[in-house]
Amino acid sequence: MNGPIDWIASIGTVLAASLIAFDLGRRATAWGFVLFCVVAVLWIYIGLTSDAIPLALMNGVLLLINAWGVWQYWFHPKNRAEQS
């Protein structure tokens, strides 16, 4: 580990958490969930190629959770009605 993909995934994870934690509005939170999904895919790749299967499995679960967050913030019908 410690290659450029690891750094991108690490920084992306911090940025995604910041977007959600700072509560800058629905759009920023939605982008935080999208970024979490992207970095989860990177962490899965890192875990699989580094023989760190627990890291890959954990991020597989986190990918599903954050994909649910994307659905809730961007695509769920009740939230689309509020934005209109």
Protein backbone atom coordinates (compact mmCIF):
# COMPACT_ATOMS: atom_id res chain seq x y z
CA MET A 1 0.00 0.00 0.00
CA ASN A 2 1.00 3.69 0.14
CA GLY A 3 0.66 4.29 -3.59
CA PRO A 4 -1.14 7.20 -5.25
CA ILE A 5 -4.49 5.39 -5.27
CA ASP A 6 -4.24 4.95 -1.50
CA TRP A 7 -3.68 8.68 -1.06
CA ILE A 8 -6.56 9.56 -3.37
CA ALA A 9 -8.85 7.19 -1.49
CA SER A 10 -7.72 8.55 1.89
CA ILE A 11 -8.15 12.20 0.95
CA GLY A 12 -11.46 11.45 -0.78
CA THR A 13 -12.73 9.71 2.35
CA VAL A 14 -11.87 12.73 4.50
CA LEU A 15 -13.51 15.11 2.01
CA ALA A 16 -16.66 12.98 1.81
CA ALA A 17 -16.95 12.81 5.59
CA SER A 18 -16.43 16.57 5.78
CA LEU A 19 -19.16 17.27 3.24
CA ILE A 20 -21.61 15.29 5.33
CA ALA A 21 -20.42 16.41 8.79
CA PHE A 22 -20.36 20.15 8.05
CA ASP A 23 -24.04 19.99 7.03
CA LEU A 24 -23.68 22.47 4.17
CA GLY A 25 -27.10 21.55 2.76
CA ARG A 26 -28.77 18.71 0.96
CA ARG A 27 -26.74 19.07 -2.23
CA ALA A 28 -23.37 18.98 -0.42
CA THR A 29 -24.51 15.98 1.62
CA ALA A 30 -25.62 14.19 -1.54
CA TRP A 31 -22.22 14.84 -3.14
CA GLY A 32 -20.60 13.54 0.05
CA PHE A 33 -22.43 10.25 -0.40
CA VAL A 34 -21.40 10.11 -4.08
CA LEU A 35 -17.78 10.71 -3.12
CA PHE A 36 -18.03 8.02 -0.43
CA CYS A 37 -19.22 5.60 -3.13
CA VAL A 38 -16.29 6.45 -5.39
CA VAL A 39 -13.69 6.06 -2.66
CA ALA A 40 -15.31 2.84 -1.44
CA VAL A 41 -14.69 1.38 -4.90
CA LEU A 42 -11.07 2.52 -4.66
CA TRP A 43 -10.73 0.94 -1.20
CA ILE A 44 -12.21 -2.30 -2.51
CA TYR A 45 -9.65 -2.33 -5.30
CA ILE A 46 -6.85 -1.55 -2.84
CA GLY A 47 -8.05 -4.29 -0.49
CA LEU A 48 -8.28 -6.90 -3.21
CA THR A 49 -4.91 -6.09 -4.76
CA SER A 50 -3.15 -5.84 -1.37
CA ASP A 51 -4.59 -9.06 0.01
CA ALA A 52 -6.49 -7.02 2.61
CA ILE A 53 -9.81 -8.82 2.24
CA PRO A 54 -11.36 -7.34 5.44
CA LEU A 55 -10.75 -3.85 4.03
CA ALA A 56 -12.39 -4.84 0.74
CA LEU A 57 -15.39 -6.45 2.49
CA MET A 58 -15.91 -3.50 4.84
CA ASN A 59 -15.90 -1.08 1.94
CA GLY A 60 -18.26 -3.32 -0.01
CA VAL A 61 -20.76 -2.90 2.81
CA LEU A 62 -20.03 0.82 3.05
CA LEU A 63 -20.57 1.13 -0.70
CA LEU A 64 -24.06 -0.32 -0.31
CA ILE A 65 -24.83 1.98 2.64
CA ASN A 66 -23.60 5.07 0.81
CA ALA A 67 -25.42 4.08 -2.39
CA TRP A 68 -28.56 4.04 -0.23
CA GLY A 69 -27.60 7.58 0.89
CA VAL A 70 -27.32 8.68 -2.75
CA TRP A 71 -30.76 7.19 -3.40
CA GLN A 72 -32.24 8.94 -0.37
CA TYR A 73 -30.79 12.36 -1.14
CA TRP A 74 -31.10 12.47 -4.93
CA PHE A 75 -33.65 9.99 -6.21
CA HIS A 76 -36.20 9.13 -3.51
CA PRO A 77 -39.62 10.43 -4.64
CA LYS A 78 -40.35 12.24 -1.35
CA ASN A 79 -37.17 14.30 -1.70
CA ARG A 80 -37.69 15.02 -5.38
CA ALA A 81 -41.10 16.50 -4.51
CA GLU A 82 -39.47 18.85 -1.95
CA GLN A 83 -36.98 20.17 -4.49
CA SER A 84 -39.67 21.17 -7.01
